Amino acid sequence: MKGKTSGKMNGATRVFVYGTLLSGEPNHRVLAGAELLGEARTEPAFELVSLGAFPAMIPGGSTAVVGEVYVVDRGTLAALDHLEGHPRFYRRRRVRLEDGEEVLAYLLSREQAHGRPKITSGNWRHQRKERWS
């Protein structure tokens, strides 16, 4: 997924999702009509924690988080902001993928995630399968 590093492409924005917005997950409907660029992993600079029904990505760890990158328009970005509670709950920030590309993602602060169980694999789907099997 090499390309521009601003997170924006021709008026559209590239967003990395890693939890309930992934294809097949309950909130994926918000991305209806968005273009899937493909699966991706962040650089190993985060922690992924479970908040129960959904995960949160925290800056400042050593885990590469697994997810998908979508190209979204302004309306979809606004819907994502609303769903994620940006900027009051999650905060939309630039993150670097393992290939060096920068995209936007929704992050939680370390304080907000304090005491939550870590998902050491960096993979929400993998963690859910293990939990329910």
C-alpha atoms as a PDB file:
ATOM      1  CA  MET A   1       0.000   0.000   0.000  1.00  0.00           C
ATOM      2  CA  LYS A   2       2.722   2.453  -0.872  1.00  0.00           C
ATOM      3  CA  GLY A   3       1.543   5.935  -1.654  1.00  0.00           C
ATOM      4  CA  LYS A   4       1.102   9.347  -0.135  1.00  0.00           C
ATOM      5  CA  THR A   5       1.882   9.619   3.559  1.00  0.00           C
ATOM      6  CA  SER A   6      -0.607  12.277   4.662  1.00  0.00           C
ATOM      7  CA  GLY A   7      -3.516   9.916   5.288  1.00  0.00           C
ATOM      8  CA  LYS A   8      -5.454  11.736   2.537  1.00  0.00           C
ATOM      9  CA  MET A   9      -5.876  10.839  -1.131  1.00  0.00           C
ATOM     10  CA  ASN A  10      -7.649  13.112  -3.636  1.00  0.00           C
ATOM     11  CA  GLY A  11     -10.075  14.489  -1.027  1.00  0.00           C
ATOM     12  CA  ALA A  12     -10.571  11.042   0.495  1.00  0.00           C
ATOM     13  CA  THR A  13      -8.903   9.763   3.646  1.00  0.00           C
ATOM     14  CA  ARG A  14      -7.233   6.437   4.406  1.00  0.00           C
ATOM     15  CA  VAL A  15      -8.334   4.948   7.723  1.00  0.00           C
ATOM     16  CA  PHE A  16      -6.943   1.907   9.553  1.00  0.00           C
ATOM     17  CA  VAL A  17      -9.558  -0.133  11.438  1.00  0.00           C
ATOM     18  CA  TYR A  18      -8.767  -2.976  13.838  1.00  0.00           C
ATOM     19  CA  GLY A  19     -11.908  -4.012  15.738  1.00  0.00           C
ATOM     20  CA  THR A  20     -15.661  -3.880  15.252  1.00  0.00           C
ATOM     21  CA  LEU A  21     -15.256  -1.895  12.005  1.00  0.00           C
ATOM     22  CA  LEU A  22     -13.435  -4.774  10.280  1.00  0.00           C
ATOM     23  CA  SER A  23     -15.271  -6.579   7.469  1.00  0.00           C
ATOM     24  CA  GLY A  24     -17.754  -9.022   8.935  1.00  0.00           C
ATOM     25  CA  GLU A  25     -17.818  -7.266  12.325  1.00  0.00           C
ATOM     26  CA  PRO A  26     -20.884  -5.506  13.827  1.00  0.00           C
ATOM     27  CA  ASN A  27     -19.954  -1.879  13.014  1.00  0.00           C
ATOM     28  CA  HIS A  28     -18.643  -2.536   9.499  1.00  0.00           C
ATOM     29  CA  ARG A  29     -21.910  -1.104   8.127  1.00  0.00           C
ATOM     30  CA  VAL A  30     -20.466   2.386   8.786  1.00  0.00           C
ATOM     31  CA  LEU A  31     -17.911   1.628   6.067  1.00  0.00           C
ATOM     32  CA  ALA A  32     -20.545   0.613   3.490  1.00  0.00           C
ATOM     33  CA  GLY A  33     -19.403   2.084   0.199  1.00  0.00           C
ATOM     34  CA  ALA A  34     -15.836   2.703   1.393  1.00  0.00           C
ATOM     35  CA  GLU A  35     -13.033   1.183  -0.668  1.00  0.00           C
ATOM     36  CA  LEU A  36     -11.028  -1.558   1.033  1.00  0.00           C
ATOM     37  CA  LEU A  37      -7.346  -1.105   0.183  1.00  0.00           C
ATOM     38  CA  GLY A  38      -6.373  -4.293   1.991  1.00  0.00           C
ATOM     39  CA  GLU A  39      -5.187  -5.864   5.176  1.00  0.00           C
ATOM     40  CA  ALA A  40      -2.399  -4.098   7.025  1.00  0.00           C
ATOM     41  CA  ARG A  41      -0.354  -4.035  10.211  1.00  0.00           C
ATOM     42  CA  THR A  42       0.916  -1.061  12.129  1.00  0.00           C
ATOM     43  CA  GLU A  43       4.527  -0.635  13.024  1.00  0.00           C
ATOM     44  CA  PRO A  44       5.198  -2.299  16.407  1.00  0.00           C
ATOM     45  CA  ALA A  45       4.524   0.843  18.434  1.00  0.00           C
ATOM     46  CA  PHE A  46       1.143   0.191  20.052  1.00  0.00           C
ATOM     47  CA  GLU A  47      -0.752  -1.912  22.548  1.00  0.00           C
ATOM     48  CA  LEU A  48      -4.110  -3.460  21.787  1.00  0.00           C
ATOM     49  CA  VAL A  49      -6.444  -3.921  24.756  1.00  0.00           C
ATOM     50  CA  SER A  50      -9.904  -5.355  25.190  1.00  0.00           C
ATOM     51  CA  LEU A  51     -12.704  -3.124  26.442  1.00  0.00           C
ATOM     52  CA  GLY A  52     -15.049  -6.116  26.425  1.00  0.00           C
ATOM     53  CA  ALA A  53     -17.171  -5.841  23.276  1.00  0.00           C
ATOM     54  CA  PHE A  54     -14.501  -3.915  21.356  1.00  0.00           C
ATOM     55  CA  PRO A  55     -10.754  -3.231  21.399  1.00  0.00           C
ATOM     56  CA  ALA A  56      -8.695  -0.085  21.770  1.00  0.00           C
ATOM     57  CA  MET A  57      -5.315   0.724  20.279  1.00  0.00           C
ATOM     58  CA  ILE A  58      -2.964   2.589  22.613  1.00  0.00           C
ATOM     59  CA  PRO A  59       0.132   4.492  21.441  1.00  0.00           C
ATOM     60  CA  GLY A  60       3.506   3.717  22.973  1.00  0.00           C
ATOM     61  CA  GLY A  61       3.698  -0.066  23.071  1.00  0.00           C
ATOM     62  CA  SER A  62       5.641  -2.689  21.142  1.00  0.00           C
ATOM     63  CA  THR A  63       2.807  -4.534  19.348  1.00  0.00           C
ATOM     64  CA  ALA A  64       1.995  -4.438  15.629  1.00  0.00           C
ATOM     65  CA  VAL A  65      -1.802  -4.223  15.367  1.00  0.00           C
ATOM     66  CA  VAL A  66      -3.582  -6.141  12.596  1.00  0.00           C
ATOM     67  CA  GLY A  67      -6.405  -4.502  10.650  1.00  0.00           C
ATOM     68  CA  GLU A  68      -7.697  -3.194   7.344  1.00  0.00           C
ATOM     69  CA  VAL A  69      -7.241   0.109   5.513  1.00  0.00           C
ATOM     70  CA  TYR A  70     -10.178   1.835   3.826  1.00  0.00           C
ATOM     71  CA  VAL A  71     -10.493   4.941   1.695  1.00  0.00           C
ATOM     72  CA  VAL A  72     -13.366   6.992   3.117  1.00  0.00           C
ATOM     73  CA  ASP A  73     -15.075  10.198   2.040  1.00  0.00           C
ATOM     74  CA  ARG A  74     -15.857  13.127   4.358  1.00  0.00           C
ATOM     75  CA  GLY A  75     -19.327  11.835   5.189  1.00  0.00           C
ATOM     76  CA  THR A  76     -18.006   8.418   6.180  1.00  0.00           C
ATOM     77  CA  LEU A  77     -15.193  10.007   8.208  1.00  0.00           C
ATOM     78  CA  ALA A  78     -17.801  12.076  10.077  1.00  0.00           C
ATOM     79  CA  ALA A  79     -19.837   8.909  10.745  1.00  0.00           C
ATOM     80  CA  LEU A  80     -16.694   7.170  12.032  1.00  0.00           C
ATOM     81  CA  ASP A  81     -15.921  10.154  14.277  1.00  0.00           C
ATOM     82  CA  HIS A  82     -19.444   9.940  15.691  1.00  0.00           C
ATOM     83  CA  LEU A  83     -19.269   6.177  16.276  1.00  0.00           C
ATOM     84  CA  GLU A  84     -15.845   6.407  17.923  1.00  0.00           C
ATOM     85  CA  GLY A  85     -16.737   9.442  20.051  1.00  0.00           C
ATOM     86  CA  HIS A  86     -13.922  11.540  18.552  1.00  0.00           C
ATOM     87  CA  PRO A  87     -12.480  13.565  20.225  1.00  0.00           C
ATOM     88  CA  ARG A  88     -14.113  12.852  23.602  1.00  0.00           C
ATOM     89  CA  PHE A  89     -13.454   9.080  23.741  1.00  0.00           C
ATOM     90  CA  TYR A  90     -11.234   7.809  20.942  1.00  0.00           C
ATOM     91  CA  ARG A  91      -8.983  10.318  19.225  1.00  0.00           C
ATOM     92  CA  ARG A  92      -8.320  10.190  15.509  1.00  0.00           C
ATOM     93  CA  ARG A  93      -4.557  10.287  14.915  1.00  0.00           C
ATOM     94  CA  ARG A  94      -1.995   9.476  12.242  1.00  0.00           C
ATOM     95  CA  VAL A  95      -0.310   6.117  12.652  1.00  0.00           C
ATOM     96  CA  ARG A  96       2.452   4.448  10.673  1.00  0.00           C
ATOM     97  CA  LEU A  97       1.937   1.057   9.078  1.00  0.00           C
ATOM     98  CA  GLU A  98       4.704  -1.532   8.886  1.00  0.00           C
ATOM     99  CA  ASP A  99       5.368  -0.514   5.256  1.00  0.00           C
ATOM    100  CA  GLY A 100       5.985   3.103   6.342  1.00  0.00           C
ATOM    101  CA  GLU A 101       2.691   4.473   5.067  1.00  0.00           C
ATOM    102  CA  GLU A 102       0.784   6.869   7.342  1.00  0.00           C
ATOM    103  CA  VAL A 103      -2.973   6.530   7.755  1.00  0.00           C
ATOM    104  CA  LEU A 104      -5.542   7.649  10.300  1.00  0.00           C
ATOM    105  CA  ALA A 105      -6.732   5.460  13.177  1.00  0.00           C
ATOM    106  CA  TYR A 106      -8.734   5.856  16.363  1.00  0.00           C
ATOM    107  CA  LEU A 107      -6.641   5.620  19.527  1.00  0.00           C
ATOM    108  CA  LEU A 108      -7.375   5.609  23.227  1.00  0.00           C
ATOM    109  CA  SER A 109      -5.071   7.150  25.826  1.00  0.00           C
ATOM    110  CA  ARG A 110      -3.036   4.963  28.149  1.00  0.00           C
ATOM    111  CA  GLU A 111      -4.976   6.389  31.117  1.00  0.00           C
ATOM    112  CA  GLN A 112      -8.327   5.421  29.568  1.00  0.00           C
ATOM    113  CA  ALA A 113      -7.100   1.863  28.982  1.00  0.00           C
ATOM    114  CA  HIS A 114      -5.481   1.387  32.386  1.00  0.00           C
ATOM    115  CA  GLY A 115      -6.094  -2.097  33.784  1.00  0.00           C
ATOM    116  CA  ARG A 116      -7.667  -3.489  30.603  1.00  0.00           C
ATOM    117  CA  PRO A 117      -6.489  -6.896  29.356  1.00  0.00           C
ATOM    118  CA  LYS A 118      -3.837  -6.738  26.646  1.00  0.00           C
ATOM    119  CA  ILE A 119      -4.290  -8.524  23.338  1.00  0.00           C
ATOM    120  CA  THR A 120      -0.670  -9.519  22.846  1.00  0.00           C
ATOM    121  CA  SER A 121      -1.218 -10.898  19.330  1.00  0.00           C
ATOM    122  CA  GLY A 122      -2.351  -7.445  18.137  1.00  0.00           C
ATOM    123  CA  ASN A 123      -5.235  -9.196  16.391  1.00  0.00           C
ATOM    124  CA  TRP A 124      -8.799  -8.553  17.633  1.00  0.00           C
ATOM    125  CA  ARG A 125     -10.319 -11.359  15.550  1.00  0.00           C
ATOM    126  CA  HIS A 126      -7.731 -13.875  16.734  1.00  0.00           C
ATOM    127  CA  GLN A 127      -8.347 -12.866  20.355  1.00  0.00           C
ATOM    128  CA  ARG A 128     -12.106 -13.213  19.952  1.00  0.00           C
ATOM    129  CA  LYS A 129     -11.815 -16.680  18.398  1.00  0.00           C
ATOM    130  CA  GLU A 130      -9.612 -17.855  21.272  1.00  0.00           C
ATOM    131  CA  ARG A 131     -11.952 -16.358  23.851  1.00  0.00           C
ATOM    132  CA  TRP A 132     -15.078 -18.033  22.479  1.00  0.00           C
ATOM    133  CA  SER A 133     -13.599 -21.427  21.566  1.00  0.00           C
END
